[in-house]
Amino acid sequence: MNAHKLLRYGYLTAILFLAWIVYTQDFHPASLATGTVAALLATAFSYHVFFESFPQSKLILRPDLLLVYLVFLLYQNIISSITLIYLMLRGNYNPGIVRVKTRLQSSIGRTLLANTISLVPGTLSLWMEGPYIFVHWFDKKTGNRIEASKRTMEPMQTLLERIFG
């Protein structure tokens, strides 16, 4: 195992172990030992999913950008919720399905984008097909794929592209 792969393996194991601690909130030695074994096993089985398309030069994920992404997602949810409530109260909306194309190369990045789209009120990812995501949009503003991509996912996609490539 080369140095980059070993460091990535350790990084993913540490993140999964921290997730274990946050989830269990138990610092008993037996729980910590179980968490260590679980993190090592999860890393062994899922390493390729997290790092399949990263170049060797990209050592770790960008936790600072992940934090920015989470803050942006919270902001997007608040704005979308207010807009959705306003549209529902007025009864002035046009639901529809649009096919949008993503620039993300990694499957985990595309999956996270699709799930993020579903977390934003008024949008729901229906399925993925290659670089395309089919999105149900509560208030479909346009049928144009490029314009729909800009409106539904552009800021999220730009951040995820910097994180996952």
C-alpha atoms as a PDB file:
ATOM      1  CA  MET A   1       0.000   0.000   0.000  1.00  0.00           C
ATOM      2  CA  ASN A   2       1.529   3.329  -1.023  1.00  0.00           C
ATOM      3  CA  ALA A   3       1.764   6.332   1.295  1.00  0.00           C
ATOM      4  CA  HIS A   4      -1.147   8.257  -0.257  1.00  0.00           C
ATOM      5  CA  LYS A   5      -3.499   5.306  -0.026  1.00  0.00           C
ATOM      6  CA  LEU A   6      -2.443   4.575   3.551  1.00  0.00           C
ATOM      7  CA  LEU A   7      -3.006   8.195   4.582  1.00  0.00           C
ATOM      8  CA  ARG A   8      -6.415   8.264   2.881  1.00  0.00           C
ATOM      9  CA  TYR A   9      -7.303   4.983   4.591  1.00  0.00           C
ATOM     10  CA  GLY A  10      -6.366   6.471   7.959  1.00  0.00           C
ATOM     11  CA  TYR A  11      -8.263   9.678   7.243  1.00  0.00           C
ATOM     12  CA  LEU A  12     -11.470   7.829   6.335  1.00  0.00           C
ATOM     13  CA  THR A  13     -11.133   5.531   9.353  1.00  0.00           C
ATOM     14  CA  ALA A  14     -10.705   8.541  11.663  1.00  0.00           C
ATOM     15  CA  ILE A  15     -13.787  10.270  10.208  1.00  0.00           C
ATOM     16  CA  LEU A  16     -15.876   7.102  10.586  1.00  0.00           C
ATOM     17  CA  PHE A  17     -14.608   6.619  14.142  1.00  0.00           C
ATOM     18  CA  LEU A  18     -15.539  10.220  15.008  1.00  0.00           C
ATOM     19  CA  ALA A  19     -18.986   9.607  13.513  1.00  0.00           C
ATOM     20  CA  TRP A  20     -19.258   6.547  15.777  1.00  0.00           C
ATOM     21  CA  ILE A  21     -18.441   8.653  18.841  1.00  0.00           C
ATOM     22  CA  VAL A  22     -20.921  11.373  17.855  1.00  0.00           C
ATOM     23  CA  TYR A  23     -23.620   8.781  17.231  1.00  0.00           C
ATOM     24  CA  THR A  24     -23.096   6.667  20.367  1.00  0.00           C
ATOM     25  CA  GLN A  25     -21.896   9.403  22.754  1.00  0.00           C
ATOM     26  CA  ASP A  26     -20.279   6.627  24.746  1.00  0.00           C
ATOM     27  CA  PHE A  27     -16.624   6.763  25.844  1.00  0.00           C
ATOM     28  CA  HIS A  28     -16.581   3.391  27.585  1.00  0.00           C
ATOM     29  CA  PRO A  29     -13.510   1.389  26.464  1.00  0.00           C
ATOM     30  CA  ALA A  30     -15.676  -1.413  25.053  1.00  0.00           C
ATOM     31  CA  SER A  31     -17.641   1.069  22.957  1.00  0.00           C
ATOM     32  CA  LEU A  32     -14.472   2.749  21.715  1.00  0.00           C
ATOM     33  CA  ALA A  33     -12.987  -0.642  20.773  1.00  0.00           C
ATOM     34  CA  THR A  34     -16.172  -1.597  18.939  1.00  0.00           C
ATOM     35  CA  GLY A  35     -16.140   1.764  17.166  1.00  0.00           C
ATOM     36  CA  THR A  36     -12.530   1.255  16.091  1.00  0.00           C
ATOM     37  CA  VAL A  37     -13.271  -2.179  14.648  1.00  0.00           C
ATOM     38  CA  ALA A  38     -16.442  -0.914  12.957  1.00  0.00           C
ATOM     39  CA  ALA A  39     -14.575   2.064  11.439  1.00  0.00           C
ATOM     40  CA  LEU A  40     -11.796  -0.196  10.130  1.00  0.00           C
ATOM     41  CA  LEU A  41     -14.279  -2.638   8.607  1.00  0.00           C
ATOM     42  CA  ALA A  42     -16.384   0.144   7.080  1.00  0.00           C
ATOM     43  CA  THR A  43     -13.249   1.693   5.602  1.00  0.00           C
ATOM     44  CA  ALA A  44     -12.129  -1.636   4.164  1.00  0.00           C
ATOM     45  CA  PHE A  45     -15.458  -2.136   2.416  1.00  0.00           C
ATOM     46  CA  SER A  46     -16.124   1.453   1.344  1.00  0.00           C
ATOM     47  CA  TYR A  47     -12.691   2.929   0.587  1.00  0.00           C
ATOM     48  CA  HIS A  48     -13.144   2.621  -3.172  1.00  0.00           C
ATOM     49  CA  VAL A  49     -16.475   4.485  -3.028  1.00  0.00           C
ATOM     50  CA  PHE A  50     -14.969   7.534  -1.327  1.00  0.00           C
ATOM     51  CA  PHE A  51     -11.750   7.732  -3.305  1.00  0.00           C
ATOM     52  CA  GLU A  52     -12.503   6.109  -6.671  1.00  0.00           C
ATOM     53  CA  SER A  53     -12.023   9.204  -8.829  1.00  0.00           C
ATOM     54  CA  PHE A  54      -9.640  11.291  -6.762  1.00  0.00           C
ATOM     55  CA  PRO A  55      -6.229  11.848  -8.315  1.00  0.00           C
ATOM     56  CA  GLN A  56      -3.293  10.706  -6.229  1.00  0.00           C
ATOM     57  CA  SER A  57      -2.335  14.338  -5.639  1.00  0.00           C
ATOM     58  CA  LYS A  58      -5.620  15.047  -3.876  1.00  0.00           C
ATOM     59  CA  LEU A  59      -4.848  13.655  -0.481  1.00  0.00           C
ATOM     60  CA  ILE A  60      -7.978  14.271   1.568  1.00  0.00           C
ATOM     61  CA  LEU A  61     -11.423  15.772   1.275  1.00  0.00           C
ATOM     62  CA  ARG A  62     -11.785  19.448   2.102  1.00  0.00           C
ATOM     63  CA  PRO A  63     -13.483  19.661   5.514  1.00  0.00           C
ATOM     64  CA  ASP A  64     -13.511  23.478   5.312  1.00  0.00           C
ATOM     65  CA  LEU A  65     -15.501  23.342   2.069  1.00  0.00           C
ATOM     66  CA  LEU A  66     -17.818  20.703   3.526  1.00  0.00           C
ATOM     67  CA  LEU A  67     -18.615  23.140   6.353  1.00  0.00           C
ATOM     68  CA  VAL A  68     -19.272  25.938   3.836  1.00  0.00           C
ATOM     69  CA  TYR A  69     -21.494  23.517   1.922  1.00  0.00           C
ATOM     70  CA  LEU A  70     -23.529  22.671   5.023  1.00  0.00           C
ATOM     71  CA  VAL A  71     -23.999  26.369   5.871  1.00  0.00           C
ATOM     72  CA  PHE A  72     -25.036  27.066   2.270  1.00  0.00           C
ATOM     73  CA  LEU A  73     -27.490  24.146   2.394  1.00  0.00           C
ATOM     74  CA  LEU A  74     -29.055  25.539   5.575  1.00  0.00           C
ATOM     75  CA  TYR A  75     -29.411  28.959   3.932  1.00  0.00           C
ATOM     76  CA  GLN A  76     -30.873  27.385   0.772  1.00  0.00           C
ATOM     77  CA  ASN A  77     -33.403  25.426   2.850  1.00  0.00           C
ATOM     78  CA  ILE A  78     -34.623  28.542   4.654  1.00  0.00           C
ATOM     79  CA  ILE A  79     -35.036  30.554   1.437  1.00  0.00           C
ATOM     80  CA  SER A  80     -36.684  27.630  -0.385  1.00  0.00           C
ATOM     81  CA  SER A  81     -39.085  26.972   2.492  1.00  0.00           C
ATOM     82  CA  ILE A  82     -40.256  30.576   2.525  1.00  0.00           C
ATOM     83  CA  THR A  83     -40.674  30.565  -1.258  1.00  0.00           C
ATOM     84  CA  LEU A  84     -42.522  27.244  -1.200  1.00  0.00           C
ATOM     85  CA  ILE A  85     -44.955  28.412   1.488  1.00  0.00           C
ATOM     86  CA  TYR A  86     -45.601  31.624  -0.436  1.00  0.00           C
ATOM     87  CA  LEU A  87     -46.313  29.718  -3.671  1.00  0.00           C
ATOM     88  CA  MET A  88     -48.602  27.252  -1.913  1.00  0.00           C
ATOM     89  CA  LEU A  89     -50.608  29.995  -0.221  1.00  0.00           C
ATOM     90  CA  ARG A  90     -51.029  31.865  -3.501  1.00  0.00           C
ATOM     91  CA  GLY A  91     -51.803  28.679  -5.449  1.00  0.00           C
ATOM     92  CA  ASN A  92     -49.552  29.937  -8.206  1.00  0.00           C
ATOM     93  CA  TYR A  93     -47.121  27.149  -9.087  1.00  0.00           C
ATOM     94  CA  ASN A  94     -46.302  24.886 -11.998  1.00  0.00           C
ATOM     95  CA  PRO A  95     -44.970  21.423 -11.002  1.00  0.00           C
ATOM     96  CA  GLY A  96     -42.932  19.448 -13.502  1.00  0.00           C
ATOM     97  CA  ILE A  97     -39.957  17.190 -14.132  1.00  0.00           C
ATOM     98  CA  VAL A  98     -36.701  18.456 -15.594  1.00  0.00           C
ATOM     99  CA  ARG A  99     -33.574  16.591 -16.659  1.00  0.00           C
ATOM    100  CA  VAL A 100     -30.418  18.352 -15.518  1.00  0.00           C
ATOM    101  CA  LYS A 101     -26.830  17.457 -16.350  1.00  0.00           C
ATOM    102  CA  THR A 102     -24.108  17.519 -13.732  1.00  0.00           C
ATOM    103  CA  ARG A 103     -20.411  18.209 -14.234  1.00  0.00           C
ATOM    104  CA  LEU A 104     -19.422  16.074 -11.240  1.00  0.00           C
ATOM    105  CA  GLN A 105     -17.184  13.151 -12.167  1.00  0.00           C
ATOM    106  CA  SER A 106     -17.257  11.067  -8.981  1.00  0.00           C
ATOM    107  CA  SER A 107     -20.264   8.902  -8.244  1.00  0.00           C
ATOM    108  CA  ILE A 108     -20.256   9.929  -4.579  1.00  0.00           C
ATOM    109  CA  GLY A 109     -20.327  13.599  -5.625  1.00  0.00           C
ATOM    110  CA  ARG A 110     -23.257  13.008  -7.993  1.00  0.00           C
ATOM    111  CA  THR A 111     -25.100  11.014  -5.333  1.00  0.00           C
ATOM    112  CA  LEU A 112     -24.564  13.724  -2.727  1.00  0.00           C
ATOM    113  CA  LEU A 113     -25.803  16.332  -5.209  1.00  0.00           C
ATOM    114  CA  ALA A 114     -28.952  14.310  -5.942  1.00  0.00           C
ATOM    115  CA  ASN A 115     -29.615  13.846  -2.225  1.00  0.00           C
ATOM    116  CA  THR A 116     -28.983  17.520  -1.567  1.00  0.00           C
ATOM    117  CA  ILE A 117     -31.450  18.494  -4.278  1.00  0.00           C
ATOM    118  CA  SER A 118     -34.016  16.319  -2.481  1.00  0.00           C
ATOM    119  CA  LEU A 119     -33.289  18.052   0.833  1.00  0.00           C
ATOM    120  CA  VAL A 120     -34.152  21.468  -0.585  1.00  0.00           C
ATOM    121  CA  PRO A 121     -37.892  22.138  -0.246  1.00  0.00           C
ATOM    122  CA  GLY A 122     -39.683  22.173  -3.588  1.00  0.00           C
ATOM    123  CA  THR A 123     -37.307  19.812  -5.386  1.00  0.00           C
ATOM    124  CA  LEU A 124     -36.991  16.048  -5.417  1.00  0.00           C
ATOM    125  CA  SER A 125     -34.434  13.916  -7.243  1.00  0.00           C
ATOM    126  CA  LEU A 126     -36.275  11.069  -8.922  1.00  0.00           C
ATOM    127  CA  TRP A 127     -33.431   9.097 -10.487  1.00  0.00           C
ATOM    128  CA  MET A 128     -29.934   9.364 -11.930  1.00  0.00           C
ATOM    129  CA  GLU A 129     -28.819   8.190 -15.333  1.00  0.00           C
ATOM    130  CA  GLY A 130     -25.134   8.759 -16.047  1.00  0.00           C
ATOM    131  CA  PRO A 131     -24.439  12.493 -15.684  1.00  0.00           C
ATOM    132  CA  TYR A 132     -28.176  13.318 -15.694  1.00  0.00           C
ATOM    133  CA  ILE A 133     -30.442  13.779 -12.692  1.00  0.00           C
ATOM    134  CA  PHE A 134     -34.202  13.841 -13.164  1.00  0.00           C
ATOM    135  CA  VAL A 135     -35.675  16.375 -10.749  1.00  0.00           C
ATOM    136  CA  HIS A 136     -39.304  17.004  -9.823  1.00  0.00           C
ATOM    137  CA  TRP A 137     -39.565  20.727  -9.389  1.00  0.00           C
ATOM    138  CA  PHE A 138     -42.540  22.149  -7.458  1.00  0.00           C
ATOM    139  CA  ASP A 139     -42.493  25.363  -9.465  1.00  0.00           C
ATOM    140  CA  LYS A 140     -40.948  24.537 -12.833  1.00  0.00           C
ATOM    141  CA  LYS A 141     -39.719  27.841 -14.200  1.00  0.00           C
ATOM    142  CA  THR A 142     -38.318  26.464 -17.458  1.00  0.00           C
ATOM    143  CA  GLY A 143     -38.071  23.291 -19.520  1.00  0.00           C
ATOM    144  CA  ASN A 144     -34.631  24.263 -20.810  1.00  0.00           C
ATOM    145  CA  ARG A 145     -32.087  21.838 -19.340  1.00  0.00           C
ATOM    146  CA  ILE A 146     -29.290  24.409 -19.027  1.00  0.00           C
ATOM    147  CA  GLU A 147     -31.482  27.058 -17.397  1.00  0.00           C
ATOM    148  CA  ALA A 148     -33.045  24.434 -15.090  1.00  0.00           C
ATOM    149  CA  SER A 149     -29.554  23.273 -14.064  1.00  0.00           C
ATOM    150  CA  LYS A 150     -28.597  26.820 -13.138  1.00  0.00           C
ATOM    151  CA  ARG A 151     -31.741  27.346 -11.088  1.00  0.00           C
ATOM    152  CA  THR A 152     -31.879  24.012  -9.257  1.00  0.00           C
ATOM    153  CA  MET A 153     -28.294  22.997  -8.571  1.00  0.00           C
ATOM    154  CA  GLU A 154     -25.575  25.346  -9.808  1.00  0.00           C
ATOM    155  CA  PRO A 155     -24.289  26.753  -6.486  1.00  0.00           C
ATOM    156  CA  MET A 156     -24.432  23.313  -4.840  1.00  0.00           C
ATOM    157  CA  GLN A 157     -22.699  21.678  -7.798  1.00  0.00           C
ATOM    158  CA  THR A 158     -19.884  24.248  -7.792  1.00  0.00           C
ATOM    159  CA  LEU A 159     -19.098  23.589  -4.128  1.00  0.00           C
ATOM    160  CA  LEU A 160     -19.330  19.808  -4.529  1.00  0.00           C
ATOM    161  CA  GLU A 161     -17.065  20.010  -7.588  1.00  0.00           C
ATOM    162  CA  ARG A 162     -14.388  21.678  -5.460  1.00  0.00           C
ATOM    163  CA  ILE A 163     -14.819  19.042  -2.745  1.00  0.00           C
ATOM    164  CA  PHE A 164     -15.132  15.832  -4.794  1.00  0.00           C
ATOM    165  CA  GLY A 165     -13.958  16.748  -8.291  1.00  0.00           C
END
